[in-house]
């Protein structure tokens, strides 16, 4: 059961919380919460942490006990707090805000791409007494998605470039298209296209190069 928590959403976590809380004591529930592979916390109406699981210690590089009693503002900092406050307000108003995703750096470490889910915790009379917050680290998935999008972009550029090359019977147009394609693939201060004739390399097309370099010739079989 615990091994599958990495794929659970807030509804599953809340269901697990309710089920276990009805059967075991709060200390044992904390042990279970520490097994969640993400930040899991309980925040009271005065925006203070009543509970923070073990991942808080790992992500923030601080003792787990240090978070108890701290405000969300103190833990996240002003910028991040302002970004999440509308969702906190919505949850304290009795609503369940939609999950939201963003980049955030924890304790100065590399930015993580995280998804945050927030749900209100109601008293017996329906009053919201606190909120449950779940933060999942989706950095690896985001990186894979971005790589896939970049590959699709490059393939699209190649298809467009192929069409441009076929439509350009003039050699100069073909060379210009190749340089333009390089500019779309790689960020650089200048670009050059070299051609080797026998034992000599010579620039045949460029962009951003000084006039001196445009006439450059390299002999002896050495290229750039």
N, C-alpha and C. Protein backbone atom coordinates (compact mmCIF):
# COMPACT_ATOMS: atom_id res chain seq x y z
N UNK A 1 0.84 -1.21 0.00
CA UNK A 1 0.00 0.00 0.00
C UNK A 1 0.87 1.25 0.00
N UNK A 2 1.86 1.29 0.89
CA UNK A 2 2.69 2.49 0.99
C UNK A 2 3.52 2.71 -0.25
N UNK A 3 3.90 1.63 -0.93
CA UNK A 3 4.74 1.77 -2.13
C UNK A 3 4.00 2.52 -3.22
N UNK A 4 2.68 2.48 -3.21
CA UNK A 4 1.91 3.14 -4.26
C UNK A 4 1.55 4.57 -3.97
N UNK A 5 1.98 5.12 -2.85
CA UNK A 5 1.59 6.47 -2.49
C UNK A 5 2.14 7.51 -3.44
N UNK A 6 3.24 7.18 -4.13
CA UNK A 6 3.84 8.16 -5.03
C UNK A 6 2.93 8.53 -6.18
N UNK A 7 1.93 7.70 -6.46
CA UNK A 7 1.01 7.97 -7.56
C UNK A 7 -0.36 8.43 -7.07
N UNK A 8 -0.49 8.69 -5.78
CA UNK A 8 -1.77 9.06 -5.22
C UNK A 8 -1.99 10.57 -5.29
N UNK A 9 -3.25 10.96 -5.35
CA UNK A 9 -3.60 12.36 -5.29
C UNK A 9 -4.14 12.70 -3.92
N UNK A 10 -4.62 13.94 -3.78
CA UNK A 10 -5.11 14.38 -2.47
C UNK A 10 -6.29 13.56 -2.00
N UNK A 11 -7.19 13.17 -2.88
CA UNK A 11 -8.38 12.42 -2.46
C UNK A 11 -7.99 11.08 -1.83
N UNK A 12 -6.98 10.41 -2.43
CA UNK A 12 -6.53 9.14 -1.87
C UNK A 12 -5.86 9.34 -0.51
N UNK A 13 -5.06 10.41 -0.41
CA UNK A 13 -4.40 10.68 0.87
C UNK A 13 -5.43 10.98 1.95
N UNK A 14 -6.44 11.76 1.63
CA UNK A 14 -7.48 12.07 2.60
C UNK A 14 -8.23 10.82 3.03
N UNK A 15 -8.51 9.93 2.06
CA UNK A 15 -9.21 8.70 2.38
C UNK A 15 -8.36 7.83 3.29
N UNK A 16 -7.05 7.77 3.00
CA UNK A 16 -6.15 7.00 3.85
C UNK A 16 -6.09 7.61 5.25
N UNK A 17 -6.04 8.92 5.31
CA UNK A 17 -5.99 9.63 6.60
C UNK A 17 -7.22 9.29 7.44
N UNK A 18 -8.40 9.34 6.82
CA UNK A 18 -9.64 9.08 7.56
C UNK A 18 -9.70 7.63 8.04
N UNK A 19 -9.29 6.71 7.17
CA UNK A 19 -9.36 5.29 7.51
C UNK A 19 -8.43 4.94 8.65
N UNK A 20 -7.17 5.40 8.55
CA UNK A 20 -6.19 5.06 9.57
C UNK A 20 -6.50 5.77 10.88
N UNK A 21 -6.92 7.03 10.79
CA UNK A 21 -7.22 7.80 12.00
C UNK A 21 -8.33 7.14 12.82
N UNK A 22 -9.23 6.45 12.13
CA UNK A 22 -10.34 5.81 12.83
C UNK A 22 -9.91 4.51 13.53
N UNK A 23 -8.72 4.01 13.15
CA UNK A 23 -8.29 2.71 13.67
C UNK A 23 -7.09 2.78 14.59
N UNK A 24 -6.22 3.77 14.39
CA UNK A 24 -5.00 3.85 15.18
C UNK A 24 -4.84 5.24 15.75
N UNK A 25 -3.88 5.41 16.62
CA UNK A 25 -3.66 6.70 17.26
C UNK A 25 -2.87 7.65 16.40
N UNK A 26 -2.82 8.90 16.82
CA UNK A 26 -2.13 9.94 16.07
C UNK A 26 -0.64 9.66 15.88
N UNK A 27 0.09 9.14 16.89
CA UNK A 27 1.51 8.85 16.68
C UNK A 27 1.75 7.87 15.53
N UNK A 28 0.91 6.82 15.47
CA UNK A 28 1.05 5.84 14.40
C UNK A 28 0.68 6.45 13.05
N UNK A 29 -0.27 7.36 13.03
CA UNK A 29 -0.65 8.04 11.80
C UNK A 29 0.52 8.87 11.28
N UNK A 30 1.29 9.46 12.17
CA UNK A 30 2.46 10.24 11.77
C UNK A 30 3.50 9.35 11.11
N UNK A 31 3.64 8.12 11.59
CA UNK A 31 4.58 7.18 10.97
C UNK A 31 4.18 6.89 9.54
N UNK A 32 2.89 6.71 9.33
CA UNK A 32 2.39 6.46 7.98
C UNK A 32 2.63 7.68 7.09
N UNK A 33 2.35 8.88 7.62
CA UNK A 33 2.52 10.10 6.84
C UNK A 33 3.98 10.31 6.45
N UNK A 34 4.90 9.86 7.29
CA UNK A 34 6.32 10.00 6.97
C UNK A 34 6.73 9.14 5.78
N UNK A 35 5.92 8.18 5.42
CA UNK A 35 6.23 7.31 4.29
C UNK A 35 5.74 7.89 2.96
N UNK A 36 4.97 8.97 3.02
CA UNK A 36 4.49 9.60 1.79
C UNK A 36 5.68 10.26 1.09
N UNK A 37 5.94 9.95 -0.19
CA UNK A 37 7.09 10.50 -0.91
C UNK A 37 6.84 11.92 -1.41
N UNK A 38 6.57 12.81 -0.48
CA UNK A 38 6.30 14.20 -0.80
C UNK A 38 6.01 14.95 0.49
N UNK A 39 5.84 16.26 0.39
CA UNK A 39 5.53 17.05 1.58
C UNK A 39 4.06 16.86 1.96
N UNK A 40 3.83 16.47 3.19
CA UNK A 40 2.47 16.32 3.71
C UNK A 40 2.40 17.05 5.04
N UNK A 41 1.48 18.01 5.14
CA UNK A 41 1.42 18.83 6.35
C UNK A 41 -0.02 19.18 6.70
N UNK A 42 -0.16 19.62 7.95
CA UNK A 42 -1.45 20.11 8.44
C UNK A 42 -1.22 21.54 8.92
N UNK A 43 -2.05 22.46 8.40
CA UNK A 43 -1.91 23.88 8.72
C UNK A 43 -3.20 24.36 9.38
N UNK A 44 -3.06 25.04 10.52
CA UNK A 44 -4.22 25.53 11.26
C UNK A 44 -4.70 26.86 10.69
N UNK A 45 -5.81 27.34 11.21
CA UNK A 45 -6.43 28.55 10.67
C UNK A 45 -5.54 29.79 10.81
N UNK A 46 -4.64 29.77 11.76
CA UNK A 46 -3.73 30.91 11.91
C UNK A 46 -2.48 30.73 11.04
N UNK A 47 -2.58 29.80 10.07
CA UNK A 47 -1.52 29.57 9.08
C UNK A 47 -0.22 29.09 9.73
N UNK A 48 -0.36 28.26 10.77
CA UNK A 48 0.81 27.66 11.40
C UNK A 48 0.80 26.15 11.19
N UNK A 49 2.00 25.59 11.06
CA UNK A 49 2.12 24.15 10.87
C UNK A 49 1.85 23.42 12.18
N UNK A 50 0.85 22.57 12.14
CA UNK A 50 0.60 21.69 13.29
C UNK A 50 1.35 20.38 13.10
N UNK A 51 1.54 19.99 11.84
CA UNK A 51 2.29 18.77 11.53
C UNK A 51 3.00 18.94 10.20
N UNK A 52 4.20 18.39 10.08
CA UNK A 52 4.95 18.35 8.83
C UNK A 52 5.69 17.02 8.78
N UNK A 53 5.53 16.28 7.71
CA UNK A 53 6.12 14.95 7.66
C UNK A 53 7.63 15.00 7.43
N UNK A 54 8.24 13.83 7.38
CA UNK A 54 9.70 13.74 7.32
C UNK A 54 10.30 14.38 6.06
N UNK A 55 9.54 14.40 4.98
CA UNK A 55 10.06 14.99 3.74
C UNK A 55 10.39 16.48 3.91
N UNK A 56 9.71 17.15 4.82
CA UNK A 56 10.04 18.56 5.08
C UNK A 56 11.49 18.69 5.54
N UNK A 57 11.91 17.78 6.41
CA UNK A 57 13.29 17.81 6.89
C UNK A 57 14.26 17.55 5.75
N UNK A 58 13.90 16.63 4.85
CA UNK A 58 14.78 16.28 3.74
C UNK A 58 14.86 17.40 2.71
N UNK A 59 13.71 17.98 2.35
CA UNK A 59 13.69 19.01 1.30
C UNK A 59 14.27 20.33 1.79
N UNK A 60 13.99 20.69 3.05
CA UNK A 60 14.45 21.98 3.58
C UNK A 60 15.78 21.88 4.33
N UNK A 61 16.23 20.64 4.54
CA UNK A 61 17.49 20.41 5.26
C UNK A 61 17.45 21.03 6.66
N UNK A 62 16.33 20.77 7.37
CA UNK A 62 16.17 21.24 8.74
C UNK A 62 15.54 20.11 9.56
N UNK A 63 15.67 20.17 10.88
CA UNK A 63 15.00 19.15 11.72
C UNK A 63 13.49 19.22 11.52
N UNK A 64 12.86 18.07 11.52
CA UNK A 64 11.42 18.01 11.30
C UNK A 64 10.65 18.79 12.36
N UNK A 65 11.13 18.74 13.59
CA UNK A 65 10.43 19.42 14.69
C UNK A 65 10.46 20.94 14.54
N UNK A 66 11.37 21.46 13.75
CA UNK A 66 11.52 22.91 13.61
C UNK A 66 10.32 23.56 12.92
N UNK A 67 9.56 22.78 12.16
CA UNK A 67 8.45 23.35 11.41
C UNK A 67 7.20 23.54 12.26
N UNK A 68 7.08 22.78 13.32
CA UNK A 68 5.87 22.83 14.14
C UNK A 68 5.76 24.20 14.80
N UNK A 69 4.61 24.87 14.59
CA UNK A 69 4.37 26.18 15.17
C UNK A 69 4.81 27.33 14.27
N UNK A 70 5.62 27.02 13.26
CA UNK A 70 6.05 28.07 12.33
C UNK A 70 4.90 28.42 11.39
N UNK A 71 4.88 29.67 10.93
CA UNK A 71 3.86 30.07 9.96
C UNK A 71 4.30 29.66 8.56
N UNK A 72 3.32 29.59 7.67
CA UNK A 72 3.62 29.26 6.27
C UNK A 72 4.56 30.32 5.69
N UNK A 73 4.34 31.57 6.08
CA UNK A 73 5.19 32.65 5.60
C UNK A 73 6.64 32.44 6.04
N UNK A 74 6.84 32.05 7.29
CA UNK A 74 8.19 31.83 7.80
C UNK A 74 8.89 30.69 7.08
N UNK A 75 8.15 29.65 6.73
CA UNK A 75 8.75 28.47 6.11
C UNK A 75 9.02 28.69 4.63
N UNK A 76 8.05 29.28 3.92
CA UNK A 76 8.18 29.41 2.47
C UNK A 76 8.89 30.69 2.03
N UNK A 77 8.80 31.74 2.84
CA UNK A 77 9.33 33.02 2.41
C UNK A 77 8.25 33.85 1.74
N UNK A 78 8.44 35.17 1.65
CA UNK A 78 7.40 36.09 1.15
C UNK A 78 6.91 35.78 -0.26
N UNK A 79 7.83 35.55 -1.20
CA UNK A 79 7.42 35.36 -2.60
C UNK A 79 6.57 34.11 -2.77
N UNK A 80 7.04 32.99 -2.24
CA UNK A 80 6.31 31.74 -2.37
C UNK A 80 4.99 31.80 -1.60
N UNK A 81 4.99 32.47 -0.45
CA UNK A 81 3.76 32.59 0.33
C UNK A 81 2.68 33.34 -0.45
N UNK A 82 3.06 34.44 -1.09
CA UNK A 82 2.09 35.20 -1.87
C UNK A 82 1.55 34.39 -3.04
N UNK A 83 2.38 33.48 -3.57
CA UNK A 83 1.94 32.66 -4.70
C UNK A 83 0.90 31.62 -4.28
N UNK A 84 1.03 31.10 -3.06
CA UNK A 84 0.12 30.04 -2.63
C UNK A 84 -1.04 30.55 -1.78
N UNK A 85 -0.96 31.78 -1.30
CA UNK A 85 -1.99 32.28 -0.39
C UNK A 85 -3.41 32.23 -0.96
N UNK A 86 -3.63 32.56 -2.24
CA UNK A 86 -5.01 32.45 -2.75
C UNK A 86 -5.59 31.04 -2.61
N UNK A 87 -4.74 30.03 -2.75
CA UNK A 87 -5.22 28.65 -2.62
C UNK A 87 -5.48 28.31 -1.16
N UNK A 88 -4.66 28.83 -0.26
CA UNK A 88 -4.90 28.63 1.17
C UNK A 88 -6.22 29.28 1.58
N UNK A 89 -6.44 30.50 1.11
CA UNK A 89 -7.68 31.22 1.45
C UNK A 89 -8.90 30.46 0.93
N UNK A 90 -8.77 29.91 -0.27
CA UNK A 90 -9.89 29.17 -0.85
C UNK A 90 -10.21 27.93 -0.01
N UNK A 91 -9.16 27.24 0.46
CA UNK A 91 -9.38 26.04 1.27
C UNK A 91 -9.98 26.40 2.62
N UNK A 92 -9.51 27.47 3.25
CA UNK A 92 -10.07 27.88 4.54
C UNK A 92 -11.50 28.39 4.40
N UNK A 93 -11.89 28.76 3.18
CA UNK A 93 -13.27 29.17 2.93
C UNK A 93 -14.19 27.97 2.72
N UNK A 94 -13.61 26.77 2.79
CA UNK A 94 -14.42 25.56 2.67
C UNK A 94 -14.39 24.93 1.30
N UNK A 95 -13.63 25.48 0.38
CA UNK A 95 -13.55 24.94 -0.97
C UNK A 95 -12.27 24.11 -1.13
N UNK A 96 -12.26 23.26 -2.16
CA UNK A 96 -11.07 22.50 -2.49
C UNK A 96 -10.48 23.07 -3.78
N UNK A 97 -9.42 23.85 -3.69
CA UNK A 97 -8.86 24.47 -4.89
C UNK A 97 -8.26 23.41 -5.81
N UNK A 98 -8.20 23.70 -7.09
CA UNK A 98 -7.58 22.74 -8.02
C UNK A 98 -6.08 22.64 -7.74
N UNK A 99 -5.49 21.48 -7.98
CA UNK A 99 -4.04 21.36 -7.81
C UNK A 99 -3.31 22.36 -8.71
N UNK A 100 -2.20 22.88 -8.24
CA UNK A 100 -1.44 23.85 -9.03
C UNK A 100 0.02 23.43 -9.05
N UNK A 101 0.69 23.75 -10.16
CA UNK A 101 2.07 23.34 -10.38
C UNK A 101 2.96 24.56 -10.53
N UNK A 102 4.19 24.45 -10.05
CA UNK A 102 5.13 25.56 -10.14
C UNK A 102 6.53 25.05 -9.80
N UNK A 103 7.54 25.88 -10.13
CA UNK A 103 8.91 25.61 -9.71
C UNK A 103 9.16 26.28 -8.37
N UNK A 104 9.86 25.58 -7.50
CA UNK A 104 10.21 26.17 -6.21
C UNK A 104 11.52 25.57 -5.74
N UNK A 105 12.38 26.43 -5.18
CA UNK A 105 13.66 25.98 -4.65
C UNK A 105 13.55 25.87 -3.13
N UNK A 106 13.90 24.71 -2.60
CA UNK A 106 13.81 24.48 -1.17
C UNK A 106 15.19 24.58 -0.53
N UNK A 107 15.33 25.49 0.41
CA UNK A 107 16.58 25.71 1.14
C UNK A 107 17.75 26.00 0.19
N UNK A 108 17.47 26.75 -0.88
CA UNK A 108 18.52 27.13 -1.79
C UNK A 108 18.98 26.02 -2.71
N UNK A 109 18.33 24.87 -2.68
CA UNK A 109 18.71 23.76 -3.55
C UNK A 109 18.20 23.99 -4.97
N UNK A 110 18.46 23.05 -5.85
CA UNK A 110 17.98 23.19 -7.24
C UNK A 110 16.46 23.26 -7.28
N UNK A 111 15.89 24.03 -8.19
CA UNK A 111 14.43 24.15 -8.26
C UNK A 111 13.77 22.79 -8.52
N UNK A 112 12.70 22.56 -7.84
CA UNK A 112 11.88 21.37 -8.07
C UNK A 112 10.59 21.81 -8.75
N UNK A 113 10.11 20.99 -9.67
CA UNK A 113 8.79 21.24 -10.26
C UNK A 113 7.80 20.44 -9.44
N UNK A 114 6.93 21.15 -8.72
CA UNK A 114 6.05 20.48 -7.76
C UNK A 114 4.58 20.74 -8.08
N UNK A 115 3.77 19.79 -7.64
CA UNK A 115 2.31 19.96 -7.72
C UNK A 115 1.78 19.99 -6.30
N UNK A 116 1.03 21.03 -5.99
CA UNK A 116 0.47 21.20 -4.64
C UNK A 116 -1.03 20.97 -4.66
N UNK A 117 -1.50 20.19 -3.70
CA UNK A 117 -2.93 19.94 -3.53
C UNK A 117 -3.31 20.32 -2.11
N UNK A 118 -4.41 21.03 -1.96
CA UNK A 118 -4.84 21.51 -0.66
C UNK A 118 -6.32 21.15 -0.45
N UNK A 119 -6.63 20.65 0.73
CA UNK A 119 -8.02 20.28 1.03
C UNK A 119 -8.37 20.74 2.45
N UNK A 120 -9.60 21.22 2.65
CA UNK A 120 -10.02 21.65 3.99
C UNK A 120 -10.30 20.46 4.89
N UNK A 121 -10.03 20.64 6.18
CA UNK A 121 -10.36 19.64 7.20
C UNK A 121 -11.45 20.23 8.07
N UNK A 122 -12.63 19.60 8.06
CA UNK A 122 -13.79 20.16 8.74
C UNK A 122 -14.02 19.52 10.11
N UNK A 123 -14.58 20.33 11.00
CA UNK A 123 -14.99 19.85 12.31
C UNK A 123 -16.33 19.15 12.17
N UNK A 124 -16.85 18.62 13.26
CA UNK A 124 -18.12 17.90 13.21
C UNK A 124 -19.27 18.78 12.74
N UNK A 125 -19.19 20.08 13.01
CA UNK A 125 -20.27 20.98 12.61
C UNK A 125 -20.04 21.58 11.22
N UNK A 126 -19.01 21.12 10.53
CA UNK A 126 -18.74 21.61 9.17
C UNK A 126 -17.77 22.77 9.13
N UNK A 127 -17.37 23.28 10.29
CA UNK A 127 -16.41 24.39 10.32
C UNK A 127 -15.03 23.92 9.89
N UNK A 128 -14.38 24.70 9.05
CA UNK A 128 -13.02 24.35 8.61
C UNK A 128 -12.06 24.69 9.75
N UNK A 129 -11.41 23.67 10.30
CA UNK A 129 -10.50 23.89 11.42
C UNK A 129 -9.03 23.88 10.98
N UNK A 130 -8.79 23.46 9.78
CA UNK A 130 -7.42 23.42 9.26
C UNK A 130 -7.42 22.93 7.83
N UNK A 131 -6.25 22.81 7.25
CA UNK A 131 -6.14 22.31 5.87
C UNK A 131 -5.01 21.28 5.81
N UNK A 132 -5.16 20.37 4.88
CA UNK A 132 -4.13 19.36 4.61
C UNK A 132 -3.47 19.73 3.29
N UNK A 133 -2.14 19.75 3.30
CA UNK A 133 -1.38 20.16 2.11
C UNK A 133 -0.48 19.01 1.67
N UNK A 134 -0.57 18.66 0.40
CA UNK A 134 0.28 17.62 -0.19
C UNK A 134 1.06 18.24 -1.35
N UNK A 135 2.38 18.11 -1.32
CA UNK A 135 3.24 18.65 -2.37
C UNK A 135 4.04 17.49 -2.96
N UNK A 136 3.86 17.25 -4.26
CA UNK A 136 4.55 16.15 -4.95
C UNK A 136 5.66 16.71 -5.82
N UNK A 137 6.78 16.01 -5.86
CA UNK A 137 7.91 16.39 -6.70
C UNK A 137 7.75 15.73 -8.07
N UNK A 138 7.48 16.54 -9.08
CA UNK A 138 7.29 16.05 -10.45
C UNK A 138 8.44 16.45 -11.36
N UNK A 139 9.60 16.75 -10.78
CA UNK A 139 10.72 17.27 -11.56
C UNK A 139 11.13 16.31 -12.67
N UNK A 140 11.26 15.03 -12.36
CA UNK A 140 11.69 14.06 -13.37
C UNK A 140 10.67 13.96 -14.50
N UNK A 141 9.40 13.95 -14.15
CA UNK A 141 8.37 13.88 -15.18
C UNK A 141 8.37 15.12 -16.04
N UNK A 142 8.52 16.29 -15.41
CA UNK A 142 8.56 17.55 -16.14
C UNK A 142 9.74 17.58 -17.08
N UNK A 143 10.90 17.11 -16.61
CA UNK A 143 12.10 17.10 -17.44
C UNK A 143 11.89 16.21 -18.66
N UNK A 144 11.26 15.05 -18.46
CA UNK A 144 10.99 14.14 -19.58
C UNK A 144 10.02 14.76 -20.57
N UNK A 145 8.98 15.43 -20.05
CA UNK A 145 8.01 16.09 -20.94
C UNK A 145 8.67 17.20 -21.74
N UNK A 146 9.52 18.00 -21.08
CA UNK A 146 10.21 19.08 -21.77
C UNK A 146 11.16 18.55 -22.84
N UNK A 147 11.83 17.43 -22.55
CA UNK A 147 12.73 16.82 -23.54
C UNK A 147 11.95 16.34 -24.74
N UNK A 148 10.77 15.76 -24.48
CA UNK A 148 9.93 15.29 -25.59
C UNK A 148 9.45 16.46 -26.44
N UNK A 149 9.07 17.56 -25.79
CA UNK A 149 8.62 18.74 -26.54
C UNK A 149 9.76 19.33 -27.37
N UNK A 150 10.97 19.34 -26.79
CA UNK A 150 12.12 19.88 -27.51
C UNK A 150 12.44 19.01 -28.73
N UNK A 151 12.33 17.69 -28.57
CA UNK A 151 12.56 16.80 -29.69
C UNK A 151 11.53 17.04 -30.79
N UNK A 152 10.27 17.22 -30.39
CA UNK A 152 9.23 17.51 -31.37
C UNK A 152 9.51 18.82 -32.10
N UNK A 153 10.00 19.82 -31.33
CA UNK A 153 10.32 21.11 -31.94
C UNK A 153 11.44 20.97 -32.97
N UNK A 154 12.47 20.20 -32.61
CA UNK A 154 13.59 20.02 -33.51
C UNK A 154 13.18 19.26 -34.77
N UNK A 155 12.32 18.25 -34.59
CA UNK A 155 11.85 17.50 -35.75
C UNK A 155 11.03 18.40 -36.68
N UNK A 156 10.22 19.28 -36.07
CA UNK A 156 9.44 20.22 -36.87
C UNK A 156 10.35 21.15 -37.65
N UNK A 157 11.42 21.62 -37.00
CA UNK A 157 12.38 22.50 -37.68
C UNK A 157 13.06 21.78 -38.84
N UNK A 158 13.39 20.51 -38.62
CA UNK A 158 14.04 19.74 -39.68
C UNK A 158 13.12 19.56 -40.88
N UNK A 159 11.85 19.32 -40.59
CA UNK A 159 10.88 19.16 -41.68
C UNK A 159 10.74 20.47 -42.45
N UNK A 160 10.64 21.58 -41.70
CA UNK A 160 10.52 22.88 -42.35
C UNK A 160 11.78 23.20 -43.16
N UNK A 161 12.94 22.87 -42.59
CA UNK A 161 14.19 23.15 -43.29
C UNK A 161 14.33 22.31 -44.55
N UNK A 162 13.88 21.06 -44.47
CA UNK A 162 13.94 20.19 -45.65
C UNK A 162 13.11 20.78 -46.79
N UNK A 163 11.93 21.28 -46.44
CA UNK A 163 11.09 21.91 -47.46
C UNK A 163 11.75 23.14 -48.05
N UNK A 164 12.40 23.94 -47.17
CA UNK A 164 13.07 25.15 -47.66
C UNK A 164 14.25 24.81 -48.56
N UNK A 165 14.99 23.78 -48.21
CA UNK A 165 16.14 23.38 -49.03
C UNK A 165 15.70 22.90 -50.40
N UNK A 166 14.64 22.11 -50.42
CA UNK A 166 14.14 21.60 -51.69
C UNK A 166 13.59 22.72 -52.57
N UNK A 167 13.09 23.77 -51.91
CA UNK A 167 12.51 24.89 -52.67
C UNK A 167 13.56 25.92 -53.07
N UNK A 168 14.83 25.68 -52.74
CA UNK A 168 15.89 26.66 -53.02
C UNK A 168 16.90 26.07 -54.00
N UNK A 169 16.71 26.26 -55.28
CA UNK A 169 17.63 25.71 -56.28
C UNK A 169 18.99 26.39 -56.26
N UNK A 170 19.07 27.62 -55.74
CA UNK A 170 20.32 28.35 -55.72
C UNK A 170 21.16 27.93 -54.50
N UNK A 171 22.44 27.71 -54.74
CA UNK A 171 23.33 27.27 -53.66
C UNK A 171 23.35 28.27 -52.51
N UNK A 172 23.39 29.56 -52.83
CA UNK A 172 23.42 30.59 -51.79
C UNK A 172 22.19 30.52 -50.90
N UNK A 173 21.04 30.25 -51.49
CA UNK A 173 19.81 30.14 -50.70
C UNK A 173 19.86 28.93 -49.77
N UNK A 174 20.43 27.84 -50.26
CA UNK A 174 20.54 26.63 -49.45
C UNK A 174 21.46 26.88 -48.25
N UNK A 175 22.61 27.52 -48.50
CA UNK A 175 23.55 27.81 -47.43
C UNK A 175 22.94 28.75 -46.39
N UNK A 176 22.21 29.75 -46.87
CA UNK A 176 21.55 30.69 -45.97
C UNK A 176 20.51 29.98 -45.09
N UNK A 177 19.80 29.05 -45.68
CA UNK A 177 18.80 28.29 -44.93
C UNK A 177 19.44 27.45 -43.84
N UNK A 178 20.61 26.85 -44.16
CA UNK A 178 21.31 26.03 -43.17
C UNK A 178 21.73 26.89 -41.98
N UNK A 179 22.26 28.09 -42.24
CA UNK A 179 22.66 28.99 -41.16
C UNK A 179 21.45 29.41 -40.33
N UNK A 180 20.34 29.73 -41.00
CA UNK A 180 19.13 30.11 -40.28
C UNK A 180 18.63 28.97 -39.39
N UNK A 181 18.76 27.74 -39.89
CA UNK A 181 18.34 26.58 -39.10
C UNK A 181 19.22 26.44 -37.86
N UNK A 182 20.53 26.66 -38.02
CA UNK A 182 21.44 26.58 -36.88
C UNK A 182 21.08 27.62 -35.82
N UNK A 183 20.66 28.79 -36.24
CA UNK A 183 20.27 29.85 -35.30
C UNK A 183 19.04 29.46 -34.49
N UNK A 184 18.18 28.67 -35.08
CA UNK A 184 16.97 28.26 -34.37
C UNK A 184 17.24 27.11 -33.41
N UNK A 185 18.30 26.34 -33.69
CA UNK A 185 18.64 25.20 -32.84
C UNK A 185 19.55 25.61 -31.69
N UNK A 186 20.51 26.50 -31.93
CA UNK A 186 21.56 26.79 -30.97
C UNK A 186 21.67 28.29 -30.74
N UNK A 187 21.74 28.70 -29.48
CA UNK A 187 21.94 30.11 -29.14
C UNK A 187 23.45 30.40 -29.13
N UNK A 188 23.89 31.36 -29.93
CA UNK A 188 25.30 31.71 -30.01
C UNK A 188 25.43 33.16 -30.46
N UNK A 189 26.64 33.70 -30.29
CA UNK A 189 26.89 35.08 -30.72
C UNK A 189 27.04 35.18 -32.23
N UNK A 190 27.53 34.14 -32.86
CA UNK A 190 27.74 34.15 -34.31
C UNK A 190 27.66 32.72 -34.84
N UNK A 191 27.45 32.60 -36.14
CA UNK A 191 27.31 31.30 -36.78
C UNK A 191 28.11 31.29 -38.07
N UNK A 192 28.68 30.13 -38.41
CA UNK A 192 29.39 30.02 -39.67
C UNK A 192 29.26 28.61 -40.22
N UNK A 193 29.21 28.51 -41.52
CA UNK A 193 29.13 27.24 -42.22
C UNK A 193 30.40 27.10 -43.05
N UNK A 194 31.13 26.00 -42.80
CA UNK A 194 32.41 25.79 -43.46
C UNK A 194 32.29 24.70 -44.52
N UNK A 195 33.08 24.85 -45.58
CA UNK A 195 33.14 23.83 -46.63
C UNK A 195 34.59 23.45 -46.86
N UNK A 196 34.83 22.15 -47.00
CA UNK A 196 36.18 21.68 -47.26
C UNK A 196 36.33 21.33 -48.74
N UNK A 197 37.29 21.97 -49.37
CA UNK A 197 37.63 21.67 -50.76
C UNK A 197 39.05 21.18 -50.79
N UNK A 198 39.20 19.90 -51.14
CA UNK A 198 40.50 19.24 -51.07
C UNK A 198 41.06 19.35 -49.65
N UNK A 199 42.10 20.17 -49.45
CA UNK A 199 42.73 20.26 -48.14
C UNK A 199 42.52 21.62 -47.48
N UNK A 200 41.47 22.34 -47.91
CA UNK A 200 41.26 23.69 -47.43
C UNK A 200 39.82 23.85 -46.91
N UNK A 201 39.70 24.45 -45.70
CA UNK A 201 38.40 24.80 -45.13
C UNK A 201 38.15 26.29 -45.35
N UNK A 202 36.93 26.62 -45.76
CA UNK A 202 36.59 28.03 -46.00
C UNK A 202 35.15 28.29 -45.59
N UNK A 203 34.92 29.49 -45.00
CA UNK A 203 33.56 29.88 -44.63
C UNK A 203 32.76 30.20 -45.88
N UNK A 204 31.60 29.56 -46.03
CA UNK A 204 30.76 29.79 -47.21
C UNK A 204 29.46 30.51 -46.85
N UNK A 205 29.13 30.57 -45.56
CA UNK A 205 27.94 31.30 -45.12
C UNK A 205 28.10 31.60 -43.64
N UNK A 206 27.60 32.76 -43.20
CA UNK A 206 27.77 33.12 -41.79
C UNK A 206 26.72 34.13 -41.37
N UNK A 207 26.68 34.35 -40.07
CA UNK A 207 25.81 35.36 -39.50
C UNK A 207 26.43 35.84 -38.21
N UNK A 208 26.65 37.15 -38.09
CA UNK A 208 27.20 37.71 -36.86
C UNK A 208 28.71 37.72 -36.78
N UNK A 209 29.40 37.25 -37.81
CA UNK A 209 30.86 37.25 -37.80
C UNK A 209 31.42 38.57 -38.31
N UNK A 210 32.59 38.94 -37.78
CA UNK A 210 33.29 40.11 -38.31
C UNK A 210 33.76 39.83 -39.73
N UNK A 211 33.94 40.89 -40.50
CA UNK A 211 34.33 40.74 -41.90
C UNK A 211 35.63 39.95 -42.04
N UNK A 212 36.52 40.12 -41.07
CA UNK A 212 37.81 39.43 -41.13
C UNK A 212 37.62 37.91 -41.14
N UNK A 213 36.70 37.44 -40.28
CA UNK A 213 36.50 36.00 -40.17
C UNK A 213 35.78 35.43 -41.38
N UNK A 214 34.96 36.23 -42.03
CA UNK A 214 34.23 35.73 -43.20
C UNK A 214 35.16 35.31 -44.32
N UNK A 215 36.35 35.88 -44.38
CA UNK A 215 37.30 35.54 -45.43
C UNK A 215 38.34 34.53 -44.97
N UNK A 216 38.11 33.96 -43.80
CA UNK A 216 39.10 33.05 -43.22
C UNK A 216 39.19 31.76 -44.02
N UNK A 217 40.41 31.29 -44.21
CA UNK A 217 40.70 30.03 -44.85
C UNK A 217 41.64 29.25 -43.94
N UNK A 218 41.35 27.97 -43.71
CA UNK A 218 42.20 27.12 -42.86
C UNK A 218 42.73 25.99 -43.71
N UNK A 219 44.04 25.87 -43.78
CA UNK A 219 44.67 24.83 -44.58
C UNK A 219 45.20 23.73 -43.68
N UNK A 220 45.65 22.67 -44.31
CA UNK A 220 46.26 21.58 -43.57
C UNK A 220 45.28 20.58 -43.00
N UNK A 221 44.03 20.61 -43.46
CA UNK A 221 43.05 19.61 -43.04
C UNK A 221 42.43 19.89 -41.69
N UNK A 222 42.58 21.11 -41.15
CA UNK A 222 42.03 21.45 -39.84
C UNK A 222 40.73 22.24 -40.01
N UNK A 223 39.67 21.79 -39.35
CA UNK A 223 38.39 22.50 -39.43
C UNK A 223 38.06 23.13 -38.10
N UNK A 224 36.88 23.68 -38.03
CA UNK A 224 36.42 24.30 -36.80
C UNK A 224 35.52 23.31 -36.05
